[in-house]
């Protein structure tokens, strides 16, 4: 990473229990549930960085 342009951002998890429930879906071996979760939340995730 270029030292002149890199940034360090601190993340915050507002709903730790919700994140804990979603994590196995995203990291698990089952593709279909992960695909469905991504499709259902694509517009929400799109606005996270803005």
N, C-alpha and C. Protein backbone atom coordinates (compact mmCIF):
# COMPACT_ATOMS: atom_id res chain seq x y z
N UNK A 1 0.84 -1.18 0.00
CA UNK A 1 0.00 0.00 0.00
C UNK A 1 0.88 1.24 0.00
N UNK A 2 0.50 2.20 -0.79
CA UNK A 2 1.23 3.45 -0.89
C UNK A 2 1.04 4.25 0.40
N UNK A 3 2.12 4.55 1.09
CA UNK A 3 2.08 5.24 2.37
C UNK A 3 1.47 6.63 2.26
N UNK A 4 1.59 7.26 1.11
CA UNK A 4 1.09 8.63 0.96
C UNK A 4 -0.43 8.71 0.80
N UNK A 5 -1.07 7.62 0.45
CA UNK A 5 -2.52 7.66 0.22
C UNK A 5 -3.32 6.68 1.07
N UNK A 6 -2.69 5.83 1.82
CA UNK A 6 -3.45 4.85 2.60
C UNK A 6 -4.09 5.52 3.81
N UNK A 7 -5.21 4.92 4.25
CA UNK A 7 -5.95 5.43 5.40
C UNK A 7 -6.27 4.28 6.33
N UNK A 8 -6.36 4.56 7.58
CA UNK A 8 -6.76 3.59 8.58
C UNK A 8 -8.11 4.02 9.12
N UNK A 9 -9.10 3.16 8.98
CA UNK A 9 -10.45 3.46 9.44
C UNK A 9 -10.84 2.47 10.52
N UNK A 10 -11.48 2.97 11.54
CA UNK A 10 -11.94 2.10 12.61
C UNK A 10 -13.38 1.70 12.33
N UNK A 11 -13.63 0.41 12.32
CA UNK A 11 -14.99 -0.09 12.11
C UNK A 11 -15.73 -0.24 13.42
N UNK A 12 -17.04 -0.28 13.34
CA UNK A 12 -17.87 -0.42 14.52
C UNK A 12 -19.03 -1.35 14.17
N UNK A 13 -19.24 -2.36 14.99
CA UNK A 13 -20.35 -3.29 14.80
C UNK A 13 -21.45 -2.90 15.78
N UNK A 14 -22.53 -2.35 15.24
CA UNK A 14 -23.64 -1.90 16.09
C UNK A 14 -24.46 -3.07 16.61
N UNK A 15 -24.56 -4.12 15.82
CA UNK A 15 -25.38 -5.27 16.18
C UNK A 15 -24.51 -6.52 16.16
N UNK A 16 -23.80 -6.76 17.25
CA UNK A 16 -22.87 -7.89 17.31
C UNK A 16 -23.59 -9.23 17.18
N UNK A 17 -24.76 -9.37 17.75
CA UNK A 17 -25.50 -10.63 17.64
C UNK A 17 -25.95 -10.88 16.21
N UNK A 18 -26.40 -9.83 15.54
CA UNK A 18 -26.80 -9.97 14.14
C UNK A 18 -25.62 -10.33 13.26
N UNK A 19 -24.49 -9.69 13.50
CA UNK A 19 -23.28 -9.99 12.73
C UNK A 19 -22.83 -11.42 12.99
N UNK A 20 -22.94 -11.86 14.23
CA UNK A 20 -22.56 -13.22 14.58
C UNK A 20 -23.45 -14.24 13.88
N UNK A 21 -24.71 -13.90 13.67
CA UNK A 21 -25.63 -14.81 12.99
C UNK A 21 -25.37 -14.87 11.49
N UNK A 22 -24.94 -13.76 10.89
CA UNK A 22 -24.71 -13.70 9.45
C UNK A 22 -23.36 -14.29 9.06
N UNK A 23 -22.39 -14.22 9.94
CA UNK A 23 -21.03 -14.64 9.63
C UNK A 23 -20.95 -16.08 9.10
N UNK A 24 -21.59 -17.07 9.73
CA UNK A 24 -21.51 -18.44 9.19
C UNK A 24 -22.09 -18.56 7.78
N UNK A 25 -23.11 -17.76 7.47
CA UNK A 25 -23.69 -17.79 6.12
C UNK A 25 -22.68 -17.30 5.10
N UNK A 26 -21.98 -16.22 5.44
CA UNK A 26 -21.01 -15.64 4.51
C UNK A 26 -19.76 -16.49 4.36
N UNK A 27 -19.34 -17.15 5.43
CA UNK A 27 -18.09 -17.89 5.41
C UNK A 27 -18.26 -19.40 5.28
N UNK A 28 -19.51 -19.86 5.24
CA UNK A 28 -19.77 -21.30 5.21
C UNK A 28 -19.56 -21.93 3.85
N UNK A 29 -19.73 -23.24 3.81
CA UNK A 29 -19.55 -24.02 2.60
C UNK A 29 -20.75 -23.97 1.66
N UNK A 30 -21.90 -23.58 2.18
CA UNK A 30 -23.12 -23.56 1.38
C UNK A 30 -23.17 -22.29 0.52
N UNK A 31 -23.22 -22.46 -0.78
CA UNK A 31 -23.18 -21.32 -1.70
C UNK A 31 -24.54 -20.62 -1.80
N UNK A 32 -25.61 -21.36 -1.89
CA UNK A 32 -26.93 -20.77 -2.13
C UNK A 32 -27.36 -19.79 -1.04
N UNK A 33 -27.23 -20.12 0.25
CA UNK A 33 -27.62 -19.13 1.27
C UNK A 33 -26.77 -17.85 1.19
N UNK A 34 -25.50 -18.00 0.89
CA UNK A 34 -24.62 -16.83 0.75
C UNK A 34 -25.06 -15.98 -0.44
N UNK A 35 -25.37 -16.62 -1.54
CA UNK A 35 -25.82 -15.93 -2.74
C UNK A 35 -27.11 -15.16 -2.46
N UNK A 36 -28.05 -15.78 -1.78
CA UNK A 36 -29.33 -15.14 -1.45
C UNK A 36 -29.11 -13.94 -0.52
N UNK A 37 -28.25 -14.09 0.47
CA UNK A 37 -27.98 -13.00 1.40
C UNK A 37 -27.37 -11.81 0.68
N UNK A 38 -26.44 -12.06 -0.21
CA UNK A 38 -25.81 -10.98 -0.96
C UNK A 38 -26.82 -10.29 -1.86
N UNK A 39 -27.64 -11.05 -2.55
CA UNK A 39 -28.66 -10.45 -3.42
C UNK A 39 -29.66 -9.62 -2.64
N UNK A 40 -30.08 -10.11 -1.48
CA UNK A 40 -31.08 -9.40 -0.68
C UNK A 40 -30.54 -8.09 -0.11
N UNK A 41 -29.23 -8.03 0.12
CA UNK A 41 -28.65 -6.87 0.78
C UNK A 41 -27.72 -6.05 -0.10
N UNK A 42 -27.74 -6.30 -1.38
CA UNK A 42 -26.82 -5.62 -2.29
C UNK A 42 -27.00 -4.11 -2.28
N UNK A 43 -28.21 -3.63 -2.29
CA UNK A 43 -28.44 -2.18 -2.31
C UNK A 43 -28.04 -1.53 -0.99
N UNK A 44 -28.23 -2.23 0.11
CA UNK A 44 -27.81 -1.70 1.41
C UNK A 44 -26.29 -1.60 1.46
N UNK A 45 -25.61 -2.65 1.04
CA UNK A 45 -24.15 -2.67 1.06
C UNK A 45 -23.57 -1.62 0.12
N UNK A 46 -24.25 -1.34 -0.95
CA UNK A 46 -23.79 -0.35 -1.91
C UNK A 46 -23.68 1.03 -1.28
N UNK A 47 -24.54 1.33 -0.32
CA UNK A 47 -24.57 2.63 0.32
C UNK A 47 -23.70 2.72 1.58
N UNK A 48 -23.03 1.66 1.97
CA UNK A 48 -22.22 1.66 3.18
C UNK A 48 -21.03 2.59 3.08
N UNK A 49 -20.38 2.61 1.94
CA UNK A 49 -19.19 3.42 1.78
C UNK A 49 -19.48 4.90 1.55
N UNK A 50 -20.70 5.25 1.30
CA UNK A 50 -21.04 6.65 0.99
C UNK A 50 -21.34 7.44 2.24
